[in-house]
Amino acid sequence: GLIHSDGYRGANKVKVRGKSYAYSRYQFCNYSADIRGIFC
């Protein structure tokens, strides 16, 4: 429920020694420190 409301699953792209890599990650973003604490 938290991810469906204030989160997402996407690809994070990074460069290491000139080579590009992509990996999946989840992010949850909320203004409330208490709600972020509940997510953690």
PDB file of all heavy atoms in Angstrom:
ATOM      1  N   GLY A   1       0.807  -1.211   0.000  1.00  0.00           N
ATOM      2  CA  GLY A   1       0.000   0.000   0.000  1.00  0.00           C
ATOM      3  C   GLY A   1       0.842   1.264   0.000  1.00  0.00           C
ATOM      4  O   GLY A   1       0.532   2.239  -0.695  1.00  0.00           O
ATOM      5  N   LEU A   2       1.919   1.283   0.779  1.00  0.00           N
ATOM      6  CA  LEU A   2       2.786   2.462   0.827  1.00  0.00           C
ATOM      7  C   LEU A   2       3.464   2.707  -0.519  1.00  0.00           C
ATOM      8  O   LEU A   2       3.541   3.851  -0.990  1.00  0.00           O
ATOM      9  CB  LEU A   2       3.831   2.292   1.934  1.00  0.00           C
ATOM     10  CG  LEU A   2       3.309   2.388   3.369  1.00  0.00           C
ATOM     11  CD1 LEU A   2       4.387   1.950   4.357  1.00  0.00           C
ATOM     12  CD2 LEU A   2       2.841   3.809   3.693  1.00  0.00           C
ATOM     13  N   ILE A   3       3.962   1.648  -1.148  1.00  0.00           N
ATOM     14  CA  ILE A   3       4.609   1.814  -2.452  1.00  0.00           C
ATOM     15  C   ILE A   3       3.590   2.201  -3.516  1.00  0.00           C
ATOM     16  O   ILE A   3       3.859   3.049  -4.375  1.00  0.00           O
ATOM     17  CB  ILE A   3       5.348   0.527  -2.861  1.00  0.00           C
ATOM     18  CG1 ILE A   3       6.563   0.285  -1.960  1.00  0.00           C
ATOM     19  CG2 ILE A   3       5.782   0.580  -4.327  1.00  0.00           C
ATOM     20  CD1 ILE A   3       7.665   1.322  -2.105  1.00  0.00           C
ATOM     21  N   HIS A   4       2.394   1.612  -3.473  1.00  0.00           N
ATOM     22  CA  HIS A   4       1.374   1.953  -4.464  1.00  0.00           C
ATOM     23  C   HIS A   4       0.930   3.408  -4.334  1.00  0.00           C
ATOM     24  O   HIS A   4       0.458   4.000  -5.312  1.00  0.00           O
ATOM     25  CB  HIS A   4       0.165   1.029  -4.310  1.00  0.00           C
ATOM     26  CG  HIS A   4       0.339  -0.273  -5.013  1.00  0.00           C
ATOM     27  ND1 HIS A   4      -0.649  -1.255  -5.036  1.00  0.00           N
ATOM     28  CD2 HIS A   4       1.371  -0.778  -5.730  1.00  0.00           C
ATOM     29  CE1 HIS A   4      -0.217  -2.289  -5.731  1.00  0.00           C
ATOM     30  NE2 HIS A   4       1.002  -2.024  -6.164  1.00  0.00           N
ATOM     31  N   SER A   5       1.069   3.985  -3.154  1.00  0.00           N
ATOM     32  CA  SER A   5       0.639   5.369  -2.971  1.00  0.00           C
ATOM     33  C   SER A   5       1.797   6.345  -3.168  1.00  0.00           C
ATOM     34  O   SER A   5       1.718   7.253  -4.002  1.00  0.00           O
ATOM     35  CB  SER A   5       0.013   5.563  -1.588  1.00  0.00           C
ATOM     36  OG  SER A   5       0.925   5.182  -0.562  1.00  0.00           O
ATOM     37  N   ASP A   6       2.885   6.172  -2.430  1.00  0.00           N
ATOM     38  CA  ASP A   6       3.974   7.151  -2.440  1.00  0.00           C
ATOM     39  C   ASP A   6       5.313   6.561  -2.855  1.00  0.00           C
ATOM     40  O   ASP A   6       6.361   7.072  -2.446  1.00  0.00           O
ATOM     41  CB  ASP A   6       4.121   7.783  -1.052  1.00  0.00           C
ATOM     42  CG  ASP A   6       3.214   8.992  -0.878  1.00  0.00           C
ATOM     43  OD1 ASP A   6       2.648   9.451  -1.883  1.00  0.00           O
ATOM     44  OD2 ASP A   6       3.071   9.477   0.256  1.00  0.00           O
ATOM     45  N   GLY A   7       5.296   5.507  -3.639  1.00  0.00           N
ATOM     46  CA  GLY A   7       6.560   4.899  -4.044  1.00  0.00           C
ATOM     47  C   GLY A   7       6.533   4.467  -5.496  1.00  0.00           C
ATOM     48  O   GLY A   7       5.540   4.643  -6.204  1.00  0.00           O
ATOM     49  N   TYR A   8       7.640   3.903  -5.926  1.00  0.00           N
ATOM     50  CA  TYR A   8       7.691   3.357  -7.287  1.00  0.00           C
ATOM     51  C   TYR A   8       8.835   2.361  -7.399  1.00  0.00           C
ATOM     52  O   TYR A   8       9.741   2.315  -6.564  1.00  0.00           O
ATOM     53  CB  TYR A   8       7.852   4.475  -8.310  1.00  0.00           C
ATOM     54  CG  TYR A   8       9.277   4.876  -8.623  1.00  0.00           C
ATOM     55  CD1 TYR A   8       9.868   4.511  -9.828  1.00  0.00           C
ATOM     56  CD2 TYR A   8      10.038   5.611  -7.720  1.00  0.00           C
ATOM     57  CE1 TYR A   8      11.172   4.871 -10.139  1.00  0.00           C
ATOM     58  CE2 TYR A   8      11.348   5.978  -8.007  1.00  0.00           C
ATOM     59  CZ  TYR A   8      11.915   5.603  -9.219  1.00  0.00           C
ATOM     60  OH  TYR A   8      13.205   5.958  -9.512  1.00  0.00           O
ATOM     61  N   ARG A   9       8.771   1.553  -8.429  1.00  0.00           N
ATOM     62  CA  ARG A   9       9.847   0.625  -8.782  1.00  0.00           C
ATOM     63  C   ARG A   9      10.369   1.039 -10.141  1.00  0.00           C
ATOM     64  O   ARG A   9       9.610   1.120 -11.107  1.00  0.00           O
ATOM     65  CB  ARG A   9       9.338  -0.813  -8.838  1.00  0.00           C
ATOM     66  CG  ARG A   9      10.401  -1.862  -9.184  1.00  0.00           C
ATOM     67  CD  ARG A   9       9.739  -3.187  -9.501  1.00  0.00           C
ATOM     68  NE  ARG A   9      10.691  -4.269  -9.667  1.00  0.00           N
ATOM     69  CZ  ARG A   9      11.396  -4.509 -10.781  1.00  0.00           C
ATOM     70  NH1 ARG A   9      11.253  -3.706 -11.826  1.00  0.00           N
ATOM     71  NH2 ARG A   9      12.225  -5.535 -10.838  1.00  0.00           N
ATOM     72  N   GLY A  10      11.644   1.334 -10.227  1.00  0.00           N
ATOM     73  CA  GLY A  10      12.203   1.786 -11.488  1.00  0.00           C
ATOM     74  C   GLY A  10      13.651   1.371 -11.637  1.00  0.00           C
ATOM     75  O   GLY A  10      14.211   0.664 -10.790  1.00  0.00           O
ATOM     76  N   ALA A  11      14.261   1.813 -12.717  1.00  0.00           N
ATOM     77  CA  ALA A  11      15.650   1.477 -13.006  1.00  0.00           C
ATOM     78  C   ALA A  11      16.552   2.630 -12.611  1.00  0.00           C
ATOM     79  O   ALA A  11      16.268   3.795 -12.927  1.00  0.00           O
ATOM     80  CB  ALA A  11      15.816   1.159 -14.493  1.00  0.00           C
ATOM     81  N   ASN A  12      17.613   2.315 -11.901  1.00  0.00           N
ATOM     82  CA  ASN A  12      18.629   3.301 -11.553  1.00  0.00           C
ATOM     83  C   ASN A  12      19.840   3.087 -12.446  1.00  0.00           C
ATOM     84  O   ASN A  12      20.384   1.990 -12.526  1.00  0.00           O
ATOM     85  CB  ASN A  12      19.028   3.152 -10.084  1.00  0.00           C
ATOM     86  CG  ASN A  12      19.994   4.246  -9.667  1.00  0.00           C
ATOM     87  OD1 ASN A  12      19.802   5.415 -10.004  1.00  0.00           O
ATOM     88  ND2 ASN A  12      21.040   3.881  -8.947  1.00  0.00           N
ATOM     89  N   LYS A  13      20.268   4.141 -13.161  1.00  0.00           N
ATOM     90  CA  LYS A  13      21.377   4.032 -14.089  1.00  0.00           C
ATOM     91  C   LYS A  13      22.623   4.688 -13.497  1.00  0.00           C
ATOM     92  O   LYS A  13      22.557   5.812 -12.987  1.00  0.00           O
ATOM     93  CB  LYS A  13      21.017   4.681 -15.421  1.00  0.00           C
ATOM     94  CG  LYS A  13      19.835   4.019 -16.125  1.00  0.00           C
ATOM     95  CD  LYS A  13      19.498   4.705 -17.439  1.00  0.00           C
ATOM     96  CE  LYS A  13      18.315   4.019 -18.120  1.00  0.00           C
ATOM     97  NZ  LYS A  13      17.962   4.674 -19.413  1.00  0.00           N
ATOM     98  N   VAL A  14      23.724   3.970 -13.545  1.00  0.00           N
ATOM     99  CA  VAL A  14      24.993   4.479 -13.013  1.00  0.00           C
ATOM    100  C   VAL A  14      26.102   4.224 -14.023  1.00  0.00           C
ATOM    101  O   VAL A  14      25.983   3.365 -14.903  1.00  0.00           O
ATOM    102  CB  VAL A  14      25.341   3.801 -11.670  1.00  0.00           C
ATOM    103  CG1 VAL A  14      24.304   4.141 -10.610  1.00  0.00           C
ATOM    104  CG2 VAL A  14      25.463   2.297 -11.843  1.00  0.00           C
ATOM    105  N   LYS A  15      27.172   4.992 -13.886  1.00  0.00           N
ATOM    106  CA  LYS A  15      28.350   4.787 -14.723  1.00  0.00           C
ATOM    107  C   LYS A  15      29.532   4.396 -13.850  1.00  0.00           C
ATOM    108  O   LYS A  15      29.807   5.053 -12.835  1.00  0.00           O
ATOM    109  CB  LYS A  15      28.687   6.060 -15.498  1.00  0.00           C
ATOM    110  CG  LYS A  15      27.928   6.203 -16.802  1.00  0.00           C
ATOM    111  CD  LYS A  15      28.508   7.313 -17.654  1.00  0.00           C
ATOM    112  CE  LYS A  15      27.826   7.342 -19.020  1.00  0.00           C
ATOM    113  NZ  LYS A  15      28.421   8.376 -19.902  1.00  0.00           N
ATOM    114  N   VAL A  16      30.202   3.323 -14.230  1.00  0.00           N
ATOM    115  CA  VAL A  16      31.381   2.853 -13.509  1.00  0.00           C
ATOM    116  C   VAL A  16      32.505   2.673 -14.519  1.00  0.00           C
ATOM    117  O   VAL A  16      32.394   1.843 -15.441  1.00  0.00           O
ATOM    118  CB  VAL A  16      31.103   1.527 -12.774  1.00  0.00           C
ATOM    119  CG1 VAL A  16      32.363   1.058 -12.051  1.00  0.00           C
ATOM    120  CG2 VAL A  16      29.951   1.690 -11.804  1.00  0.00           C
ATOM    121  N   ARG A  17      33.554   3.497 -14.360  1.00  0.00           N
ATOM    122  CA  ARG A  17      34.705   3.440 -15.264  1.00  0.00           C
ATOM    123  C   ARG A  17      34.285   3.547 -16.728  1.00  0.00           C
ATOM    124  O   ARG A  17      34.736   2.808 -17.603  1.00  0.00           O
ATOM    125  CB  ARG A  17      35.502   2.155 -15.038  1.00  0.00           C
ATOM    126  CG  ARG A  17      36.101   2.059 -13.640  1.00  0.00           C
ATOM    127  CD  ARG A  17      36.805   0.747 -13.437  1.00  0.00           C
ATOM    128  NE  ARG A  17      37.340   0.652 -12.074  1.00  0.00           N
ATOM    129  CZ  ARG A  17      37.958  -0.418 -11.587  1.00  0.00           C
ATOM    130  NH1 ARG A  17      38.101  -1.498 -12.364  1.00  0.00           N
ATOM    131  NH2 ARG A  17      38.413  -0.430 -10.360  1.00  0.00           N
ATOM    132  N   GLY A  18      33.372   4.470 -16.978  1.00  0.00           N
ATOM    133  CA  GLY A  18      32.947   4.742 -18.336  1.00  0.00           C
ATOM    134  C   GLY A  18      31.867   3.827 -18.883  1.00  0.00           C
ATOM    135  O   GLY A  18      31.369   4.045 -19.986  1.00  0.00           O
ATOM    136  N   LYS A  19      31.510   2.801 -18.129  1.00  0.00           N
ATOM    137  CA  LYS A  19      30.470   1.877 -18.580  1.00  0.00           C
ATOM    138  C   LYS A  19      29.159   2.153 -17.842  1.00  0.00           C
ATOM    139  O   LYS A  19      29.159   2.424 -16.640  1.00  0.00           O
ATOM    140  CB  LYS A  19      30.895   0.432 -18.343  1.00  0.00           C
ATOM    141  CG  LYS A  19      32.064  -0.015 -19.216  1.00  0.00           C
ATOM    142  CD  LYS A  19      32.351  -1.496 -19.008  1.00  0.00           C
ATOM    143  CE  LYS A  19      33.474  -1.962 -19.919  1.00  0.00           C
ATOM    144  NZ  LYS A  19      33.748  -3.425 -19.750  1.00  0.00           N
ATOM    145  N   SER A  20      28.055   2.071 -18.574  1.00  0.00           N
ATOM    146  CA  SER A  20      26.737   2.331 -17.988  1.00  0.00           C
ATOM    147  C   SER A  20      26.103   1.033 -17.512  1.00  0.00           C
ATOM    148  O   SER A  20      26.150   0.012 -18.210  1.00  0.00           O
ATOM    149  CB  SER A  20      25.812   3.005 -19.012  1.00  0.00           C
ATOM    150  OG  SER A  20      26.321   4.267 -19.383  1.00  0.00           O
ATOM    151  N   TYR A  21      25.515   1.095 -16.320  1.00  0.00           N
ATOM    152  CA  TYR A  21      24.821  -0.053 -15.754  1.00  0.00           C
ATOM    153  C   TYR A  21      23.446   0.414 -15.255  1.00  0.00           C
ATOM    154  O   TYR A  21      23.265   1.570 -14.871  1.00  0.00           O
ATOM    155  CB  TYR A  21      25.597  -0.645 -14.573  1.00  0.00           C
ATOM    156  CG  TYR A  21      26.964  -1.183 -14.942  1.00  0.00           C
ATOM    157  CD1 TYR A  21      28.083  -0.356 -14.904  1.00  0.00           C
ATOM    158  CD2 TYR A  21      27.137  -2.512 -15.309  1.00  0.00           C
ATOM    159  CE1 TYR A  21      29.337  -0.840 -15.242  1.00  0.00           C
ATOM    160  CE2 TYR A  21      28.386  -3.011 -15.630  1.00  0.00           C
ATOM    161  CZ  TYR A  21      29.481  -2.162 -15.601  1.00  0.00           C
ATOM    162  OH  TYR A  21      30.723  -2.647 -15.927  1.00  0.00           O
ATOM    163  N   ALA A  22      22.505  -0.479 -15.283  1.00  0.00           N
ATOM    164  CA  ALA A  22      21.165  -0.188 -14.771  1.00  0.00           C
ATOM    165  C   ALA A  22      20.713  -1.323 -13.861  1.00  0.00           C
ATOM    166  O   ALA A  22      20.956  -2.497 -14.158  1.00  0.00           O
ATOM    167  CB  ALA A  22      20.167  -0.003 -15.910  1.00  0.00           C
ATOM    168  N   TYR A  23      20.092  -0.970 -12.743  1.00  0.00           N
ATOM    169  CA  TYR A  23      19.557  -1.984 -11.837  1.00  0.00           C
ATOM    170  C   TYR A  23      18.235  -1.480 -11.264  1.00  0.00           C
ATOM    171  O   TYR A  23      17.987  -0.274 -11.184  1.00  0.00           O
ATOM    172  CB  TYR A  23      20.548  -2.309 -10.719  1.00  0.00           C
ATOM    173  CG  TYR A  23      20.877  -1.145  -9.803  1.00  0.00           C
ATOM    174  CD1 TYR A  23      20.135  -0.912  -8.640  1.00  0.00           C
ATOM    175  CD2 TYR A  23      21.931  -0.280 -10.083  1.00  0.00           C
ATOM    176  CE1 TYR A  23      20.425   0.139  -7.793  1.00  0.00           C
ATOM    177  CE2 TYR A  23      22.231   0.774  -9.251  1.00  0.00           C
ATOM    178  CZ  TYR A  23      21.474   0.977  -8.097  1.00  0.00           C
ATOM    179  OH  TYR A  23      21.770   2.040  -7.271  1.00  0.00           O
ATOM    180  N   SER A  24      17.402  -2.408 -10.880  1.00  0.00           N
ATOM    181  CA  SER A  24      16.074  -2.057 -10.361  1.00  0.00           C
ATOM    182  C   SER A  24      16.163  -1.677  -8.892  1.00  0.00           C
ATOM    183  O   SER A  24      16.996  -2.202  -8.148  1.00  0.00           O
ATOM    184  CB  SER A  24      15.114  -3.238 -10.536  1.00  0.00           C
ATOM    185  OG  SER A  24      14.946  -3.546 -11.898  1.00  0.00           O
ATOM    186  N   ARG A  25      15.306  -0.788  -8.493  1.00  0.00           N
ATOM    187  CA  ARG A  25      15.216  -0.425  -7.084  1.00  0.00           C
ATOM    188  C   ARG A  25      13.821   0.124  -6.786  1.00  0.00           C
ATOM    189  O   ARG A  25      13.112   0.590  -7.679  1.00  0.00           O
ATOM    190  CB  ARG A  25      16.277   0.597  -6.690  1.00  0.00           C
ATOM    191  CG  ARG A  25      16.052   1.997  -7.233  1.00  0.00           C
ATOM    192  CD  ARG A  25      17.122   2.948  -6.738  1.00  0.00           C
ATOM    193  NE  ARG A  25      16.983   4.264  -7.349  1.00  0.00           N
ATOM    194  CZ  ARG A  25      17.871   5.234  -7.199  1.00  0.00           C
ATOM    195  NH1 ARG A  25      18.966   5.033  -6.472  1.00  0.00           N
ATOM    196  NH2 ARG A  25      17.685   6.405  -7.775  1.00  0.00           N
ATOM    197  N   TYR A  26      13.451   0.067  -5.521  1.00  0.00           N
ATOM    198  CA  TYR A  26      12.225   0.681  -5.029  1.00  0.00           C
ATOM    199  C   TYR A  26      12.575   1.973  -4.301  1.00  0.00           C
ATOM    200  O   TYR A  26      13.623   2.058  -3.640  1.00  0.00           O
ATOM    201  CB  TYR A  26      11.490  -0.245  -4.063  1.00  0.00           C
ATOM    202  CG  TYR A  26      10.759  -1.387  -4.718  1.00  0.00           C
ATOM    203  CD1 TYR A  26      11.399  -2.589  -4.978  1.00  0.00           C
ATOM    204  CD2 TYR A  26       9.417  -1.273  -5.078  1.00  0.00           C
ATOM    205  CE1 TYR A  26      10.737  -3.641  -5.582  1.00  0.00           C
ATOM    206  CE2 TYR A  26       8.745  -2.324  -5.682  1.00  0.00           C
ATOM    207  CZ  TYR A  26       9.407  -3.505  -5.928  1.00  0.00           C
ATOM    208  OH  TYR A  26       8.746  -4.547  -6.527  1.00  0.00           O
ATOM    209  N   GLN A  27      11.690   2.964  -4.397  1.00  0.00           N
ATOM    210  CA  GLN A  27      11.838   4.187  -3.631  1.00  0.00           C
ATOM    211  C   GLN A  27      10.506   4.545  -2.978  1.00  0.00           C
ATOM    212  O   GLN A  27       9.438   4.357  -3.573  1.00  0.00           O
ATOM    213  CB  GLN A  27      12.285   5.347  -4.530  1.00  0.00           C
ATOM    214  CG  GLN A  27      13.714   5.247  -5.009  1.00  0.00           C
ATOM    215  CD  GLN A  27      14.134   6.430  -5.840  1.00  0.00           C
ATOM    216  OE1 GLN A  27      14.897   6.290  -6.793  1.00  0.00           O
ATOM    217  NE2 GLN A  27      13.653   7.613  -5.504  1.00  0.00           N
ATOM    218  N   PHE A  28      10.599   5.056  -1.767  1.00  0.00           N
ATOM    219  CA  PHE A  28       9.421   5.544  -1.060  1.00  0.00           C
ATOM    220  C   PHE A  28       9.722   6.957  -0.594  1.00  0.00           C
ATOM    221  O   PHE A  28      10.724   7.203   0.073  1.00  0.00           O
ATOM    222  CB  PHE A  28       9.085   4.654   0.139  1.00  0.00           C
ATOM    223  CG  PHE A  28       7.935   5.175   0.966  1.00  0.00           C
ATOM    224  CD1 PHE A  28       6.633   5.066   0.500  1.00  0.00           C
ATOM    225  CD2 PHE A  28       8.154   5.784   2.188  1.00  0.00           C
ATOM    226  CE1 PHE A  28       5.563   5.557   1.239  1.00  0.00           C
ATOM    227  CE2 PHE A  28       7.090   6.269   2.944  1.00  0.00           C
ATOM    228  CZ  PHE A  28       5.801   6.160   2.465  1.00  0.00           C
ATOM    229  N   CYS A  29       8.835   7.899  -0.957  1.00  0.00           N
ATOM    230  CA  CYS A  29       9.059   9.308  -0.640  1.00  0.00           C
ATOM    231  C   CYS A  29       7.837   9.874   0.074  1.00  0.00           C
ATOM    232  O   CYS A  29       6.712   9.758  -0.429  1.00  0.00           O
ATOM    233  CB  CYS A  29       9.339  10.098  -1.917  1.00  0.00           C
ATOM    234  SG  CYS A  29       9.703  11.844  -1.634  1.00  0.00           S
ATOM    235  N   ASN A  30       8.058  10.467   1.253  1.00  0.00           N
ATOM    236  CA  ASN A  30       6.953  11.038   2.017  1.00  0.00           C
ATOM    237  C   ASN A  30       7.497  12.173   2.884  1.00  0.00           C
ATOM    238  O   ASN A  30       8.596  12.066   3.426  1.00  0.00           O
ATOM    239  CB  ASN A  30       6.293   9.965   2.888  1.00  0.00           C
ATOM    240  CG  ASN A  30       4.953  10.411   3.437  1.00  0.00           C
ATOM    241  OD1 ASN A  30       4.891  11.222   4.350  1.00  0.00           O
ATOM    242  ND2 ASN A  30       3.874   9.877   2.883  1.00  0.00           N
ATOM    243  N   TYR A  31       6.717  13.236   3.021  1.00  0.00           N
ATOM    244  CA  TYR A  31       7.153  14.373   3.819  1.00  0.00           C
ATOM    245  C   TYR A  31       7.193  14.054   5.317  1.00  0.00           C
ATOM    246  O   TYR A  31       7.920  14.687   6.077  1.00  0.00           O
ATOM    247  CB  TYR A  31       6.228  15.566   3.592  1.00  0.00           C
ATOM    248  CG  TYR A  31       6.488  16.307   2.302  1.00  0.00           C
ATOM    249  CD1 TYR A  31       5.733  16.030   1.166  1.00  0.00           C
ATOM    250  CD2 TYR A  31       7.473  17.277   2.212  1.00  0.00           C
ATOM    251  CE1 TYR A  31       5.959  16.701  -0.030  1.00  0.00           C
ATOM    252  CE2 TYR A  31       7.716  17.955   1.030  1.00  0.00           C
ATOM    253  CZ  TYR A  31       6.957  17.662  -0.090  1.00  0.00           C
ATOM    254  OH  TYR A  31       7.187  18.322  -1.273  1.00  0.00           O
ATOM    255  N   SER A  32       6.395  13.099   5.763  1.00  0.00           N
ATOM    256  CA  SER A  32       6.287  12.793   7.191  1.00  0.00           C
ATOM    257  C   SER A  32       7.407  11.868   7.644  1.00  0.00           C
ATOM    258  O   SER A  32       7.549  10.746   7.151  1.00  0.00           O
ATOM    259  CB  SER A  32       4.936  12.132   7.481  1.00  0.00           C
ATOM    260  OG  SER A  32       4.912  11.594   8.787  1.00  0.00           O
ATOM    261  N   ALA A  33       8.195  12.325   8.621  1.00  0.00           N
ATOM    262  CA  ALA A  33       9.246  11.472   9.184  1.00  0.00           C
ATOM    263  C   ALA A  33       8.642  10.252   9.868  1.00  0.00           C
ATOM    264  O   ALA A  33       9.232   9.159   9.836  1.00  0.00           O
ATOM    265  CB  ALA A  33      10.098  12.274  10.175  1.00  0.00           C
ATOM    266  N   ASP A  34       7.459  10.416  10.470  1.00  0.00           N
ATOM    267  CA  ASP A  34       6.810   9.290  11.148  1.00  0.00           C
ATOM    268  C   ASP A  34       6.392   8.223  10.144  1.00  0.00           C
ATOM    269  O   ASP A  34       6.558   7.017  10.393  1.00  0.00           O
ATOM    270  CB  ASP A  34       5.588   9.770  11.932  1.00  0.00           C
ATOM    271  CG  ASP A  34       5.960  10.626  13.125  1.00  0.00           C
ATOM    272  OD1 ASP A  34       7.102  10.493  13.621  1.00  0.00           O
ATOM    273  OD2 ASP A  34       5.125  11.434  13.561  1.00  0.00           O
ATOM    274  N   ILE A  35       5.837   8.637   9.005  1.00  0.00           N
ATOM    275  CA  ILE A  35       5.395   7.661   8.002  1.00  0.00           C
ATOM    276  C   ILE A  35       6.607   7.003   7.351  1.00  0.00           C
ATOM    277  O   ILE A  35       6.594   5.793   7.088  1.00  0.00           O
ATOM    278  CB  ILE A  35       4.481   8.335   6.965  1.00  0.00           C
ATOM    279  CG1 ILE A  35       3.182   8.784   7.645  1.00  0.00           C
ATOM    280  CG2 ILE A  35       4.158   7.374   5.809  1.00  0.00           C
ATOM    281  CD1 ILE A  35       2.237   9.567   6.752  1.00  0.00           C
ATOM    282  N   ARG A  36       7.663   7.750   7.125  1.00  0.00           N
ATOM    283  CA  ARG A  36       8.892   7.125   6.626  1.00  0.00           C
ATOM    284  C   ARG A  36       9.412   6.097   7.634  1.00  0.00           C
ATOM    285  O   ARG A  36       9.888   5.021   7.260  1.00  0.00           O
ATOM    286  CB  ARG A  36       9.972   8.180   6.354  1.00  0.00           C
ATOM    287  CG  ARG A  36       9.648   9.119   5.214  1.00  0.00           C
ATOM    288  CD  ARG A  36      10.873   9.883   4.751  1.00  0.00           C
ATOM    289  NE  ARG A  36      11.511  10.647   5.811  1.00  0.00           N
ATOM    290  CZ  ARG A  36      11.190  11.886   6.147  1.00  0.00           C
ATOM    291  NH1 ARG A  36      10.219  12.519   5.503  1.00  0.00           N
ATOM    292  NH2 ARG A  36      11.828  12.519   7.119  1.00  0.00           N
ATOM    293  N   GLY A  37       9.277   6.433   8.911  1.00  0.00           N
ATOM    294  CA  GLY A  37       9.688   5.483   9.942  1.00  0.00           C
ATOM    295  C   GLY A  37       8.854   4.213   9.926  1.00  0.00           C
ATOM    296  O   GLY A  37       9.371   3.113  10.138  1.00  0.00           O
ATOM    297  N   ILE A  38       7.556   4.340   9.670  1.00  0.00           N
ATOM    298  CA  ILE A  38       6.686   3.169   9.572  1.00  0.00           C
ATOM    299  C   ILE A  38       7.100   2.309   8.380  1.00  0.00           C
ATOM    300  O   ILE A  38       7.125   1.077   8.468  1.00  0.00           O
ATOM    301  CB  ILE A  38       5.213   3.614   9.465  1.00  0.00           C
ATOM    302  CG1 ILE A  38       4.752   4.216  10.801  1.00  0.00           C
ATOM    303  CG2 ILE A  38       4.314   2.443   9.072  1.00  0.00           C
ATOM    304  CD1 ILE A  38       3.382   4.879  10.750  1.00  0.00           C
ATOM    305  N   PHE A  39       7.437   2.954   7.263  1.00  0.00           N
ATOM    306  CA  PHE A  39       7.904   2.203   6.096  1.00  0.00           C
ATOM    307  C   PHE A  39       9.188   1.437   6.424  1.00  0.00           C
ATOM    308  O   PHE A  39       9.312   0.241   6.096  1.00  0.00           O
ATOM    309  CB  PHE A  39       8.152   3.157   4.928  1.00  0.00           C
ATOM    310  CG  PHE A  39       8.722   2.495   3.701  1.00  0.00           C
ATOM    311  CD1 PHE A  39       7.898   1.830   2.810  1.00  0.00           C
ATOM    312  CD2 PHE A  39      10.085   2.530   3.448  1.00  0.00           C
ATOM    313  CE1 PHE A  39       8.421   1.206   1.678  1.00  0.00           C
ATOM    314  CE2 PHE A  39      10.618   1.909   2.324  1.00  0.00           C
ATOM    315  CZ  PHE A  39       9.782   1.248   1.438  1.00  0.00           C
ATOM    316  N   CYS A  40      10.125   2.088   7.095  1.00  0.00           N
ATOM    317  CA  CYS A  40      11.387   1.429   7.442  1.00  0.00           C
ATOM    318  C   CYS A  40      11.150   0.285   8.427  1.00  0.00           C
ATOM    319  O   CYS A  40      11.773  -0.782   8.316  1.00  0.00           O
ATOM    320  CB  CYS A  40      12.362   2.448   8.021  1.00  0.00           C
ATOM    321  SG  CYS A  40      12.909   3.703   6.845  1.00  0.00           S
TER     322      CYS A  40
END
